Amino acid sequence: MSAQPRLLPWPGPAGKPCYLVSDADGAGYLSRLADEMEAVQLQMGTELIGHARLLLRDRKADARELRYLSNRLIEALQDALRVAESRGGRLPVSVDDGPDQSSGARE
């Protein structure tokens, strides 16, 4: 089994976080599906940024269009933050919490 549950890129019931506990080490069906969903979410966010730039340059854009854009940007940001949290939670944890003593580096 994996050491830590994976935060999935979609919410569970009532909008709560949904986690996957797997022994497939990221190779299982749900892990691959989550990877694909993350990629789609990030691509959609990138495309939305392009649309936002165009709409914000349009001086004729009305409040309704800007509200719609704001809501889509919020959704895209929520998706991106969930992806970042999920990926950050799967990073290996260093045993040494201090600065690298061999190179003389300091924080």
Protein backbone atom coordinates (compact mmCIF):
# COMPACT_ATOMS: atom_id res chain seq x y z
CA MET A 1 0.00 0.00 0.00
CA SER A 2 1.15 3.56 -0.62
CA ALA A 3 2.47 5.45 2.38
CA GLN A 4 0.01 8.31 2.06
CA PRO A 5 -3.46 8.63 0.50
CA ARG A 6 -3.55 10.57 -2.77
CA LEU A 7 -5.84 13.59 -2.98
CA LEU A 8 -7.87 13.08 -6.15
CA PRO A 9 -8.53 15.94 -8.58
CA TRP A 10 -12.30 15.73 -8.11
CA PRO A 11 -14.34 16.35 -4.98
CA GLY A 12 -16.15 13.63 -3.11
CA PRO A 13 -19.71 13.78 -1.81
CA ALA A 14 -20.82 17.22 -0.62
CA GLY A 15 -17.68 18.77 -2.15
CA LYS A 16 -15.36 17.21 0.41
CA PRO A 17 -11.86 16.03 -0.54
CA CYS A 18 -11.69 12.56 -2.08
CA TYR A 19 -8.64 10.35 -1.47
CA LEU A 20 -7.24 7.20 -3.06
CA VAL A 21 -5.39 4.58 -1.07
CA SER A 22 -3.62 2.25 -3.48
CA ASP A 23 -1.02 -0.48 -3.53
CA ALA A 24 -0.43 -0.01 -7.28
CA ASP A 25 2.24 2.68 -6.78
CA GLY A 26 0.54 5.08 -9.20
CA ALA A 27 0.03 2.44 -11.89
CA GLY A 28 -3.56 1.51 -11.09
CA TYR A 29 -6.61 2.50 -13.11
CA LEU A 30 -7.80 5.24 -10.71
CA SER A 31 -4.30 6.70 -10.41
CA ARG A 32 -3.98 6.91 -14.18
CA LEU A 33 -7.47 8.40 -14.44
CA ALA A 34 -6.54 11.01 -11.80
CA ASP A 35 -3.33 11.84 -13.71
CA GLU A 36 -5.33 12.34 -16.91
CA MET A 37 -7.93 14.48 -15.11
CA GLU A 38 -5.19 16.67 -13.59
CA ALA A 39 -3.70 17.20 -17.05
CA VAL A 40 -7.11 18.17 -18.46
CA GLN A 41 -7.81 20.55 -15.56
CA LEU A 42 -4.45 22.29 -15.95
CA GLN A 43 -4.86 22.56 -19.74
CA MET A 44 -8.35 24.03 -19.32
CA GLY A 45 -6.94 26.57 -16.85
CA THR A 46 -4.26 27.55 -19.36
CA GLU A 47 -6.86 28.02 -22.09
CA LEU A 48 -9.08 30.01 -19.72
CA ILE A 49 -6.22 32.42 -19.03
CA GLY A 50 -6.03 33.09 -22.78
CA HIS A 51 -9.78 33.77 -22.94
CA ALA A 52 -9.53 36.01 -19.88
CA ARG A 53 -6.79 38.10 -21.45
CA LEU A 54 -8.88 38.62 -24.57
CA LEU A 55 -12.04 39.49 -22.65
CA LEU A 56 -10.24 41.91 -20.34
CA ARG A 57 -8.85 43.77 -23.38
CA ASP A 58 -12.39 44.17 -24.72
CA ARG A 59 -13.68 47.51 -23.45
CA LYS A 60 -17.21 46.46 -24.42
CA ALA A 61 -17.23 43.46 -22.04
CA ASP A 62 -20.11 43.85 -19.62
CA ALA A 63 -20.45 42.97 -15.94
CA ARG A 64 -22.28 39.70 -16.70
CA GLU A 65 -19.41 38.47 -18.91
CA LEU A 66 -16.82 39.52 -16.34
CA ARG A 67 -18.70 37.76 -13.52
CA TYR A 68 -18.89 34.60 -15.61
CA LEU A 69 -15.17 34.84 -16.33
CA SER A 70 -14.43 35.40 -12.63
CA ASN A 71 -16.38 32.29 -11.66
CA ARG A 72 -14.57 30.14 -14.25
CA LEU A 73 -11.19 31.53 -13.09
CA ILE A 74 -12.08 30.65 -9.49
CA GLU A 75 -12.93 27.10 -10.54
CA ALA A 76 -9.68 26.78 -12.49
CA LEU A 77 -7.68 28.11 -9.55
CA GLN A 78 -9.38 25.66 -7.19
CA ASP A 79 -8.50 22.82 -9.56
CA ALA A 80 -4.88 23.97 -9.85
CA LEU A 81 -4.53 24.27 -6.07
CA ARG A 82 -5.98 20.77 -5.60
CA VAL A 83 -3.48 19.40 -8.15
CA ALA A 84 -0.62 21.20 -6.39
CA GLU A 85 -1.71 19.89 -2.99
CA SER A 86 -2.04 16.36 -4.34
CA ARG A 87 1.35 16.41 -6.03
CA GLY A 88 3.00 18.07 -3.05
CA GLY A 89 1.59 15.39 -0.77
CA ARG A 90 3.26 12.73 -2.89
CA LEU A 91 6.75 14.25 -2.82
CA PRO A 92 9.31 12.20 -0.93
CA VAL A 93 10.01 13.44 2.58
CA SER A 94 13.64 14.20 3.34
CA VAL A 95 15.12 12.56 6.42
CA ASP A 96 17.39 15.56 6.95
CA ASP A 97 15.36 18.68 7.74
CA GLY A 98 18.40 20.95 7.99
CA PRO A 99 20.51 22.68 5.34
CA ASP A 100 22.96 20.64 3.30
CA GLN A 101 26.01 20.52 5.54
CA SER A 102 28.35 19.19 2.83
CA SER A 103 28.04 22.25 0.59
CA GLY A 104 28.02 24.81 3.36
CA ALA A 105 24.63 26.09 2.19
CA ARG A 106 22.55 28.07 4.67
CA GLU A 107 18.92 29.04 4.75
